[in-house]
Protein backbone atom coordinates (compact mmCIF):
# COMPACT_ATOMS: atom_id res chain seq x y z
CA MET A 1 -62.83 18.26 -7.72
CA SER A 2 -61.05 15.42 -9.50
CA GLN A 3 -61.06 11.97 -7.97
CA VAL A 4 -57.50 10.65 -7.72
CA ILE A 5 -57.13 6.88 -7.92
CA SER A 6 -53.88 4.94 -7.56
CA ASP A 7 -55.22 1.44 -6.93
CA LEU A 8 -55.94 -0.39 -10.18
CA ALA A 9 -58.54 -2.70 -8.61
CA GLU A 10 -60.43 0.36 -7.37
CA TRP A 11 -60.17 1.97 -10.79
CA ARG A 12 -61.40 -1.11 -12.63
CA ALA A 13 -64.44 -1.37 -10.35
CA LEU A 14 -65.20 2.31 -10.91
CA ARG A 15 -64.71 2.01 -14.65
CA ALA A 16 -67.16 -0.89 -14.79
CA ALA A 17 -69.72 1.24 -12.97
CA LEU A 18 -69.26 4.09 -15.45
CA ASP A 19 -70.50 1.83 -18.26
CA ALA A 20 -74.01 1.96 -16.82
CA ASP A 21 -74.96 5.41 -18.16
CA GLY A 22 -73.20 5.22 -21.53
CA ARG A 23 -71.63 8.67 -21.23
CA SER A 24 -68.55 9.31 -23.37
CA ILE A 25 -65.02 9.32 -21.96
CA GLY A 26 -62.06 11.35 -23.18
CA PHE A 27 -58.58 10.33 -22.06
CA VAL A 28 -55.26 12.17 -21.84
CA PRO A 29 -52.29 9.93 -20.94
CA THR A 30 -49.29 11.79 -19.52
CA MET A 31 -46.12 11.32 -17.49
CA GLY A 32 -46.97 14.32 -15.34
CA ALA A 33 -44.97 17.55 -15.04
CA LEU A 34 -47.96 19.11 -16.75
CA HIS A 35 -47.83 22.39 -18.66
CA GLU A 36 -50.19 24.44 -20.80
CA GLY A 37 -49.72 22.04 -23.69
CA HIS A 38 -51.21 19.27 -21.57
CA ARG A 39 -53.96 21.60 -20.43
CA SER A 40 -54.90 22.23 -24.05
CA LEU A 41 -55.35 18.47 -24.52
CA LEU A 42 -57.52 18.31 -21.42
CA ALA A 43 -59.58 21.30 -22.54
CA ARG A 44 -60.31 19.65 -25.87
CA ALA A 45 -61.19 16.39 -24.16
CA ARG A 46 -63.54 18.33 -21.88
CA ARG A 47 -65.28 19.97 -24.85
CA GLU A 48 -65.75 16.71 -26.75
CA ASN A 49 -66.68 14.25 -23.99
CA ASP A 50 -68.97 13.83 -21.00
CA ARG A 51 -66.16 12.69 -18.72
CA VAL A 52 -62.40 13.22 -18.81
CA VAL A 53 -59.74 10.89 -17.43
CA LEU A 54 -56.12 11.99 -16.96
CA SER A 55 -53.37 9.48 -16.25
CA ILE A 56 -50.06 10.41 -14.65
CA PHE A 57 -47.47 7.66 -14.85
CA VAL A 58 -43.73 8.05 -15.37
CA ASN A 59 -43.25 4.98 -17.53
CA PRO A 60 -39.88 3.34 -16.79
CA THR A 61 -39.84 1.10 -19.86
CA GLN A 62 -39.55 3.97 -22.34
CA PHE A 63 -36.34 5.36 -20.84
CA ASN A 64 -33.26 3.84 -22.42
CA ASP A 65 -31.09 6.03 -20.16
CA PRO A 66 -31.69 5.39 -16.41
CA ARG A 67 -30.34 8.87 -15.60
CA ASP A 68 -33.08 10.41 -17.73
CA LEU A 69 -35.69 8.50 -15.75
CA GLU A 70 -34.19 9.67 -12.45
CA LYS A 71 -34.21 13.31 -13.59
CA TYR A 72 -37.78 13.29 -14.89
CA PRO A 73 -39.78 15.78 -12.77
CA ARG A 74 -42.51 14.45 -10.49
CA THR A 75 -44.90 17.27 -9.61
CA LEU A 76 -48.23 15.64 -8.70
CA PRO A 77 -49.68 18.46 -6.50
CA ALA A 78 -48.95 21.06 -9.19
CA ASP A 79 -50.29 18.71 -11.87
CA LEU A 80 -53.60 18.30 -10.05
CA GLU A 81 -53.89 22.06 -9.64
CA LEU A 82 -53.24 22.69 -13.34
CA ALA A 83 -55.73 20.02 -14.42
CA GLY A 84 -58.34 21.61 -12.17
CA ASP A 85 -61.95 21.25 -13.18
CA LEU A 86 -61.08 19.95 -16.65
CA VAL A 87 -60.72 16.42 -15.26
CA ASP A 88 -63.12 14.05 -13.52
CA TYR A 89 -60.69 11.24 -12.68
CA VAL A 90 -56.92 11.13 -12.32
CA LEU A 91 -55.37 7.68 -12.59
CA VAL A 92 -51.98 7.51 -10.84
CA PRO A 93 -50.88 3.86 -10.94
CA GLY A 94 -47.65 2.46 -9.56
CA ALA A 95 -45.01 0.78 -11.69
CA GLY A 96 -45.41 -2.50 -9.82
CA ALA A 97 -49.09 -2.69 -10.72
CA MET A 98 -48.59 -1.58 -14.31
CA TYR A 99 -45.79 -4.10 -14.83
CA ALA A 100 -46.81 -7.02 -12.65
CA ASP A 101 -45.48 -9.23 -15.47
CA HIS A 102 -42.05 -7.53 -15.17
CA TYR A 103 -42.41 -6.37 -18.79
CA ARG A 104 -42.44 -9.91 -20.18
CA TYR A 105 -45.23 -8.93 -22.55
CA ARG A 106 -44.72 -5.91 -24.74
CA VAL A 107 -45.78 -4.30 -28.01
CA THR A 108 -43.16 -4.12 -30.74
CA GLU A 109 -43.47 -2.38 -34.09
CA GLY A 110 -40.81 -3.22 -36.64
CA GLU A 111 -40.69 -0.36 -39.13
CA VAL A 112 -41.55 3.19 -38.05
CA SER A 113 -40.18 2.58 -34.54
CA THR A 114 -36.69 1.79 -35.85
CA ARG A 115 -36.13 5.24 -37.37
CA LEU A 116 -35.31 8.67 -35.96
CA GLU A 117 -36.25 8.52 -32.25
CA GLY A 118 -36.14 4.74 -32.34
CA ALA A 119 -32.64 4.70 -33.82
CA HIS A 120 -31.36 7.02 -31.08
CA ARG A 121 -33.36 5.53 -28.20
CA PRO A 122 -33.35 1.73 -28.52
CA GLY A 123 -36.44 0.15 -26.99
CA HIS A 124 -38.13 3.48 -26.41
CA PHE A 125 -41.16 2.86 -28.58
CA ASP A 126 -41.69 -0.67 -27.23
CA GLY A 127 -42.14 0.97 -23.85
CA VAL A 128 -44.38 3.72 -25.22
CA LEU A 129 -46.67 1.41 -27.15
CA THR A 130 -46.88 -1.11 -24.33
CA VAL A 131 -47.88 1.43 -21.71
CA VAL A 132 -50.33 3.18 -24.04
CA LEU A 133 -52.03 -0.14 -24.79
CA LYS A 134 -52.22 -0.95 -21.07
CA LEU A 135 -53.71 2.46 -20.29
CA LEU A 136 -56.21 2.30 -23.14
CA ASN A 137 -57.34 -1.11 -21.90
CA LEU A 138 -57.73 0.22 -18.37
CA VAL A 139 -59.55 3.44 -19.27
CA ARG A 140 -61.48 2.18 -22.33
CA PRO A 141 -62.08 5.73 -23.61
CA ASP A 142 -64.08 6.81 -26.62
CA ARG A 143 -61.31 9.24 -27.56
CA ALA A 144 -57.65 9.58 -26.52
CA TYR A 145 -55.73 12.81 -27.09
CA PHE A 146 -52.06 13.06 -28.13
CA GLY A 147 -49.94 16.09 -29.00
CA GLU A 148 -48.44 16.45 -32.45
CA LYS A 149 -45.06 17.52 -31.01
CA ASP A 150 -44.28 13.82 -30.53
CA ARG A 151 -45.15 13.13 -34.15
CA GLN A 152 -43.49 9.74 -34.50
CA GLN A 153 -45.13 8.56 -31.29
CA LEU A 154 -48.50 9.78 -32.56
CA GLU A 155 -48.06 7.90 -35.84
CA LEU A 156 -47.19 4.70 -33.97
CA VAL A 157 -50.11 4.98 -31.55
CA GLN A 158 -52.51 5.59 -34.43
CA GLY A 159 -51.08 2.58 -36.25
CA MET A 160 -51.33 0.35 -33.18
CA ALA A 161 -54.94 1.32 -32.57
CA GLU A 162 -55.81 0.48 -36.15
CA ALA A 163 -53.77 -2.73 -36.35
CA LEU A 164 -55.08 -4.12 -33.05
CA PHE A 165 -58.70 -3.05 -33.66
CA LEU A 166 -58.84 -0.88 -30.55
CA PRO A 167 -62.27 0.73 -30.10
CA VAL A 168 -60.90 4.23 -29.56
CA GLU A 169 -60.44 7.36 -31.67
CA ILE A 170 -56.88 8.69 -31.46
CA VAL A 171 -57.18 12.48 -31.66
CA PRO A 172 -54.10 14.48 -32.78
CA CYS A 173 -53.77 17.92 -31.17
CA PRO A 174 -51.60 20.84 -32.37
CA THR A 175 -48.31 21.60 -30.67
CA VAL A 176 -48.56 24.41 -28.11
CA ARG A 177 -45.59 26.78 -28.14
CA GLU A 178 -44.02 29.35 -25.88
CA PRO A 179 -44.10 33.00 -27.07
CA ASP A 180 -40.58 32.58 -28.52
CA GLY A 181 -41.66 29.52 -30.52
CA LEU A 182 -40.18 26.71 -28.41
CA ALA A 183 -42.54 23.75 -28.17
CA MET A 184 -43.83 23.30 -24.63
CA SER A 185 -42.25 20.27 -22.98
CA SER A 186 -41.73 18.99 -19.48
CA ARG A 187 -38.02 18.84 -20.30
CA ASN A 188 -37.81 22.61 -20.84
CA ARG A 189 -37.80 23.23 -17.10
CA ARG A 190 -34.46 21.41 -16.88
CA LEU A 191 -32.76 24.02 -19.09
CA SER A 192 -30.64 26.72 -17.49
CA PRO A 193 -31.86 30.28 -18.14
CA ALA A 194 -29.17 30.79 -20.79
CA ALA A 195 -29.93 27.48 -22.49
CA ARG A 196 -33.63 28.22 -22.38
CA ARG A 197 -33.04 31.44 -24.35
CA GLN A 198 -30.81 29.57 -26.77
CA ALA A 199 -33.43 26.83 -27.26
CA ALA A 200 -35.73 29.20 -29.14
CA ALA A 201 -33.40 28.89 -32.12
CA PHE A 202 -34.27 25.20 -32.51
CA PRO A 203 -37.75 25.56 -34.07
CA ARG A 204 -36.70 28.69 -35.94
CA ILE A 205 -33.81 26.92 -37.68
CA LEU A 206 -35.95 23.85 -38.41
CA ALA A 207 -38.50 26.10 -40.10
CA THR A 208 -36.14 28.32 -42.10
CA ALA A 209 -33.21 26.17 -43.23
CA PRO A 210 -33.49 25.13 -46.89
CA ASP A 211 -32.75 21.44 -46.24
CA PRO A 212 -31.79 19.04 -43.42
CA ALA A 213 -28.05 19.39 -44.03
CA ALA A 214 -28.25 23.18 -43.75
CA ALA A 215 -30.45 22.88 -40.65
CA THR A 216 -27.91 20.56 -39.04
CA ARG A 217 -25.05 22.98 -39.78
CA ASP A 218 -27.00 25.95 -38.46
CA LEU A 219 -28.05 24.12 -35.30
CA GLU A 220 -24.50 23.02 -34.57
CA ALA A 221 -23.27 26.58 -35.15
CA ALA A 222 -25.89 27.75 -32.65
CA GLY A 223 -24.51 25.39 -29.99
CA PHE A 224 -26.80 22.38 -30.31
CA ARG A 225 -25.68 18.77 -30.58
CA VAL A 226 -27.83 17.28 -33.31
CA ASP A 227 -29.22 13.74 -33.32
CA TYR A 228 -31.11 14.17 -36.58
CA VAL A 229 -32.98 16.49 -38.89
CA HIS A 230 -35.25 14.67 -41.30
CA ASP A 231 -37.72 15.77 -43.96
CA GLN A 232 -40.76 13.76 -44.88
CA PRO A 233 -43.82 14.86 -46.84
CA GLY A 234 -45.22 18.00 -45.26
CA VAL A 235 -43.05 18.04 -42.15
CA ARG A 236 -39.47 18.42 -40.91
CA LEU A 237 -38.52 16.60 -37.71
CA GLY A 238 -35.53 17.19 -35.50
CA ALA A 239 -33.90 16.17 -32.23
CA VAL A 240 -31.10 18.03 -30.46
CA HIS A 241 -29.26 18.18 -27.16
CA LEU A 242 -28.74 21.38 -25.22
CA ASP A 243 -27.53 21.81 -21.65
CA ASP A 244 -27.63 17.98 -21.30
CA VAL A 245 -31.36 18.07 -22.16
CA ARG A 246 -32.76 16.37 -25.25
CA LEU A 247 -35.39 18.32 -27.21
CA ILE A 248 -37.54 17.18 -30.13
CA ASP A 249 -39.80 19.15 -32.45
CA ASN A 250 -41.34 19.15 -35.89
CA VAL A 251 -42.51 21.95 -38.16
CA ALA A 252 -44.64 22.08 -41.30
CA ARG A 253 -42.78 22.54 -44.58
């Protein structure tokens, strides 16, 4: 049975006690609304570490659209059930405790974070990097696990850990997909049944179009509103809107 902790003072006292036996800690930071993709991260953390910590925190500073924050699903009982025996500790802090400084101090990256997602979501990656740094400092894991679906986020977290000399291994984990190819995401549950069927075309078009311009045309013809399709060495990234839900993905090329 996982131990659920919401008080940061209680967590910090417990974390100090865990240092005594030197056992390894794997960490999976999430915003909740867990699905099988998250469970795959937890399963890997369980295999590779003595203890596993899961955090569930809907981080307000990474939402540039307040409506998106309001709509984000909060499903803690279901999350705890899905995590099950893969997790030893679940950290569920409040926003007031996480941002006692009212977000006066933040992490800013000035190159990768300005492109693609950063160009379409101003301030998003400041919020992501700031909360990840806070969580890594609180948990002090040996390894932290991040999905490759959020590829730009992964690149930035890896870069931050290296630049700031954080004593943690950032472990990339493959994207987990639905049977029709759609990348698992907490946002998928907000799609209507018809839009959910339509969404399967997103990764298929990303993978098969000959170039970004063709992918954009094909996605628009299929009913998506396209933010971007971008090729970089070895991967094609894309972001679209469907049914007032924003989806991102990337595929090897």
